[in-house]
Amino acid sequence: MSLNGKYSLGILLTFVLLAAVMLYIFPFIAMITGEKNFTATSFLYSRMVLWMVLAITFLYSFLIEKQPFLLWKDKNYSFLFYLKKILRLYLICAIGGAFLNLFIKIITHENSGDKIAQLSSVFKNNYPLIVFTCLTAGVVEEFLMRGYMQPRIEKIYKNQYAGIAVSAFLFGILHMTYGTISQVIIPFFIGVVFAMFYKKYSNIKILIMCHFMYDFVSLMIMNFINFKHLSVF
């Protein structure tokens, strides 16, 4: 198999594993543990499984592709650069996401999904779970979607825009299990912003920290504000 063929198989394997986790992990956990309800424990187990997907993809790149997991070597920058870029990326994603959310709600009159309501109750005052969830999202999603997929998609199609667009599209699709249009469109938008940044600056650490910050602020808002008011955000 050619190297591009191995890249294609790795991308497919990673996406299928992530999709399977998003779709089936909670029924699987319920079958194993006997817990019928959506609980903090079951959500914690689901995040642990995402770390396993990252480990499997890492092993695939090392054993099958025989290539570095990060095809683009991470560049180092000053502390001030990190601070400015993290804040700038966060504001772009937060403000852009808020406008997209408002636009979608005006057009579709969409309400927050049942999955978001369940998450709101699970995260209520559970700060260790909030931190672990944000850390998992930041590390696992950025390593897989930007660090692993984006450069390989670009190499397969020999087009940097394909790497940006396809990785962002897959990132958006993976969030469709939350049950709302906004939970697909907004991650797609964030995926495009992050992919463009990664292409330009080749630094996964900034994306991980910004992703953590974005999710942490979102979950803390969810924690402190009554669910019926969350649609404002």
Protein backbone atom coordinates (compact mmCIF):
# COMPACT_ATOMS: atom_id res chain seq x y z
CA MET A 1 0.00 0.00 0.00
CA SER A 2 1.29 3.49 -0.88
CA LEU A 3 1.92 6.06 1.83
CA ASN A 4 -1.11 8.09 0.68
CA GLY A 5 -3.16 4.90 0.91
CA LYS A 6 -1.98 4.42 4.49
CA TYR A 7 -2.85 8.05 5.22
CA SER A 8 -6.35 7.55 3.78
CA LEU A 9 -6.88 4.40 5.83
CA GLY A 10 -5.65 6.13 8.97
CA ILE A 11 -8.01 9.08 8.46
CA LEU A 12 -10.92 6.71 7.83
CA LEU A 13 -10.03 4.59 10.88
CA THR A 14 -9.78 7.65 13.11
CA PHE A 15 -13.05 9.16 11.91
CA VAL A 16 -14.93 5.86 12.23
CA LEU A 17 -13.62 5.33 15.76
CA LEU A 18 -14.57 8.88 16.78
CA ALA A 19 -18.01 8.55 15.19
CA ALA A 20 -18.56 5.21 16.93
CA VAL A 21 -17.67 6.76 20.28
CA MET A 22 -20.03 9.69 19.71
CA LEU A 23 -22.90 7.44 18.59
CA TYR A 24 -22.59 4.27 20.64
CA ILE A 25 -20.39 4.79 23.68
CA PHE A 26 -23.21 5.61 26.13
CA PRO A 27 -25.39 2.58 25.20
CA PHE A 28 -22.23 0.44 25.42
CA ILE A 29 -21.33 1.84 28.86
CA ALA A 30 -24.91 1.30 30.03
CA MET A 31 -24.72 -2.33 28.85
CA ILE A 32 -21.43 -2.89 30.69
CA THR A 33 -22.20 -1.04 33.93
CA GLY A 34 -25.96 -1.50 34.09
CA GLU A 35 -26.47 2.26 34.49
CA LYS A 36 -29.59 3.23 32.61
CA ASN A 37 -29.33 7.00 33.11
CA PHE A 38 -26.87 9.48 31.63
CA THR A 39 -24.53 10.12 34.59
CA ALA A 40 -21.26 11.87 35.40
CA THR A 41 -19.59 8.46 35.69
CA SER A 42 -20.72 7.31 32.25
CA PHE A 43 -19.61 10.62 30.74
CA LEU A 44 -16.20 10.25 32.42
CA TYR A 45 -15.82 6.77 30.93
CA SER A 46 -16.73 8.14 27.50
CA ARG A 47 -13.93 10.72 27.71
CA MET A 48 -11.47 7.99 28.68
CA VAL A 49 -12.42 6.08 25.54
CA LEU A 50 -11.52 9.16 23.47
CA TRP A 51 -8.00 8.99 24.90
CA MET A 52 -7.90 5.37 23.72
CA VAL A 53 -8.80 6.50 20.19
CA LEU A 54 -5.88 8.95 20.30
CA ALA A 55 -3.56 6.14 21.43
CA ILE A 56 -4.77 3.84 18.62
CA THR A 57 -4.19 6.55 16.01
CA PHE A 58 -0.74 7.25 17.42
CA LEU A 59 0.16 3.56 17.20
CA TYR A 60 -1.16 3.42 13.63
CA SER A 61 1.05 6.33 12.58
CA PHE A 62 4.07 4.76 14.28
CA LEU A 63 3.59 1.11 13.30
CA ILE A 64 1.75 1.23 9.95
CA GLU A 65 2.58 4.59 8.40
CA LYS A 66 6.02 4.65 10.02
CA GLN A 67 5.71 8.43 10.08
CA PRO A 68 5.70 11.03 12.88
CA PHE A 69 2.24 11.53 14.34
CA LEU A 70 2.61 15.28 13.68
CA LEU A 71 3.77 15.58 10.08
CA TRP A 72 4.24 19.32 10.62
CA LYS A 73 6.91 19.89 13.25
CA ASP A 74 5.63 22.13 16.02
CA LYS A 75 7.22 25.58 15.94
CA ASN A 76 8.16 27.43 19.12
CA TYR A 77 7.14 31.03 19.81
CA SER A 78 7.50 33.56 22.61
CA PHE A 79 5.22 33.63 25.65
CA LEU A 80 3.70 36.91 24.45
CA PHE A 81 2.92 35.31 21.07
CA TYR A 82 1.14 32.43 22.81
CA LEU A 83 -0.88 34.80 24.96
CA LYS A 84 -1.93 37.04 22.06
CA LYS A 85 -2.84 34.19 19.72
CA ILE A 86 -4.83 32.26 22.33
CA LEU A 87 -6.87 35.33 23.23
CA ARG A 88 -7.35 36.30 19.58
CA LEU A 89 -8.42 32.82 18.56
CA TYR A 90 -10.77 32.59 21.52
CA LEU A 91 -12.46 35.89 20.69
CA ILE A 92 -12.82 34.99 17.01
CA CYS A 93 -14.43 31.64 17.90
CA ALA A 94 -16.59 32.99 20.74
CA ILE A 95 -17.90 36.05 18.90
CA GLY A 96 -18.21 34.28 15.55
CA GLY A 97 -19.91 31.31 17.20
CA ALA A 98 -22.35 33.59 19.06
CA PHE A 99 -23.38 35.35 15.84
CA LEU A 100 -23.78 32.02 14.02
CA ASN A 101 -25.84 30.65 16.90
CA LEU A 102 -28.10 33.72 16.87
CA PHE A 103 -28.49 33.59 13.09
CA ILE A 104 -29.37 29.88 13.14
CA LYS A 105 -31.95 30.39 15.90
CA ILE A 106 -33.58 33.26 14.01
CA ILE A 107 -33.75 31.24 10.79
CA THR A 108 -34.72 27.83 12.22
CA HIS A 109 -36.23 28.70 15.65
CA GLU A 110 -34.10 25.84 16.93
CA ASN A 111 -34.13 25.00 20.63
CA SER A 112 -31.23 23.55 22.60
CA GLY A 113 -31.13 19.78 22.18
CA ASP A 114 -31.93 17.15 24.79
CA LYS A 115 -28.27 16.13 24.88
CA ILE A 116 -27.30 19.66 25.96
CA ALA A 117 -29.93 19.53 28.70
CA GLN A 118 -28.49 16.25 29.96
CA LEU A 119 -24.97 17.65 29.90
CA SER A 120 -26.10 20.67 31.87
CA SER A 121 -27.27 18.46 34.74
CA VAL A 122 -24.19 16.20 34.59
CA PHE A 123 -21.73 19.11 34.83
CA LYS A 124 -23.60 20.97 37.58
CA ASN A 125 -20.96 21.81 40.23
CA ASN A 126 -18.79 18.90 39.05
CA TYR A 127 -15.59 20.89 38.49
CA PRO A 128 -13.17 17.93 38.16
CA LEU A 129 -15.35 16.52 35.36
CA ILE A 130 -15.50 19.95 33.69
CA VAL A 131 -11.70 20.25 33.72
CA PHE A 132 -11.15 16.67 32.52
CA THR A 133 -13.73 17.08 29.75
CA CYS A 134 -12.14 20.31 28.52
CA LEU A 135 -8.66 18.79 28.69
CA THR A 136 -9.85 15.76 26.72
CA ALA A 137 -11.50 17.92 24.07
CA GLY A 138 -8.46 20.18 23.75
CA VAL A 139 -5.83 17.46 23.56
CA VAL A 140 -7.64 14.61 21.79
CA GLU A 141 -9.64 16.63 19.25
CA GLU A 142 -6.76 18.93 18.30
CA PHE A 143 -4.21 16.14 17.98
CA LEU A 144 -6.60 14.06 15.86
CA MET A 145 -8.42 16.66 13.74
CA ARG A 146 -5.67 19.20 13.19
CA GLY A 147 -2.43 17.42 14.14
CA TYR A 148 -3.18 14.07 12.48
CA MET A 149 -5.89 14.52 9.83
CA GLN A 150 -5.27 17.96 8.35
CA PRO A 151 -1.67 17.48 7.10
CA ARG A 152 -2.48 14.02 5.71
CA ILE A 153 -5.56 15.25 3.85
CA GLU A 154 -3.43 18.04 2.38
CA LYS A 155 -0.80 15.53 1.23
CA ILE A 156 -3.40 13.19 -0.29
CA TYR A 157 -5.07 15.95 -2.33
CA LYS A 158 -1.92 18.09 -2.70
CA ASN A 159 -4.05 21.08 -1.71
CA GLN A 160 -3.84 23.07 1.52
CA TYR A 161 -7.47 24.20 1.22
CA ALA A 162 -8.62 20.58 1.07
CA GLY A 163 -6.81 19.94 4.36
CA ILE A 164 -8.55 22.91 5.96
CA ALA A 165 -12.03 22.29 4.53
CA VAL A 166 -12.22 18.51 4.94
CA SER A 167 -10.81 18.44 8.48
CA ALA A 168 -13.25 21.21 9.50
CA PHE A 169 -16.15 19.40 7.84
CA LEU A 170 -15.36 16.15 9.67
CA PHE A 171 -14.99 18.09 12.92
CA GLY A 172 -18.47 19.56 12.43
CA ILE A 173 -20.05 16.23 11.47
CA LEU A 174 -18.70 14.57 14.62
CA HIS A 175 -20.70 17.05 16.73
CA MET A 176 -24.03 16.28 15.07
CA THR A 177 -24.87 13.78 17.83
CA TYR A 178 -25.67 16.76 20.08
CA GLY A 179 -28.85 17.04 18.06
CA THR A 180 -28.87 20.63 16.77
CA ILE A 181 -27.83 22.39 13.57
CA SER A 182 -25.82 24.96 15.53
CA GLN A 183 -23.78 22.14 17.12
CA VAL A 184 -22.60 21.24 13.61
CA ILE A 185 -22.21 24.67 12.02
CA ILE A 186 -20.35 26.29 14.93
CA PRO A 187 -17.77 23.46 15.28
CA PHE A 188 -17.30 23.61 11.49
CA PHE A 189 -16.61 27.35 11.78
CA ILE A 190 -14.18 26.77 14.66
CA GLY A 191 -12.58 23.94 12.70
CA VAL A 192 -11.91 26.27 9.76
CA VAL A 193 -10.41 28.94 12.05
CA PHE A 194 -8.21 26.44 13.86
CA ALA A 195 -7.13 24.70 10.65
CA MET A 196 -6.13 28.00 9.04
CA PHE A 197 -4.14 28.89 12.14
CA TYR A 198 -2.44 25.50 12.21
CA LYS A 199 -1.49 25.76 8.55
CA LYS A 200 0.01 29.20 9.04
CA TYR A 201 1.77 28.78 12.40
CA SER A 202 2.19 25.00 12.83
CA ASN A 203 1.67 25.05 16.59
CA ILE A 204 -0.73 22.51 18.09
CA LYS A 205 -0.15 23.67 21.68
CA ILE A 206 -1.83 27.03 21.09
CA LEU A 207 -4.86 25.27 19.60
CA ILE A 208 -5.05 22.87 22.56
CA MET A 209 -4.97 25.72 25.06
CA CYS A 210 -7.52 27.79 23.13
CA HIS A 211 -9.82 24.78 22.71
CA PHE A 212 -9.58 24.08 26.45
CA MET A 213 -10.34 27.71 27.23
CA TYR A 214 -13.33 27.84 24.86
CA ASP A 215 -14.90 24.69 26.28
CA PHE A 216 -14.09 25.61 29.88
CA VAL A 217 -15.80 29.00 29.61
CA SER A 218 -18.79 27.39 27.86
CA LEU A 219 -19.18 24.69 30.53
CA MET A 220 -18.78 27.17 33.37
CA ILE A 221 -21.56 29.29 31.83
CA MET A 222 -23.63 26.11 31.61
CA ASN A 223 -22.82 25.41 35.25
CA PHE A 224 -23.86 28.80 36.61
CA ILE A 225 -26.79 29.74 34.37
CA ASN A 226 -30.18 28.07 34.37
CA PHE A 227 -30.53 25.79 31.34
CA LYS A 228 -33.58 27.61 29.96
CA HIS A 229 -31.40 30.73 29.53
CA LEU A 230 -28.52 28.93 27.80
CA SER A 231 -29.91 29.54 24.30
CA VAL A 232 -28.87 33.18 24.68
CA PHE A 233 -25.26 32.01 24.56
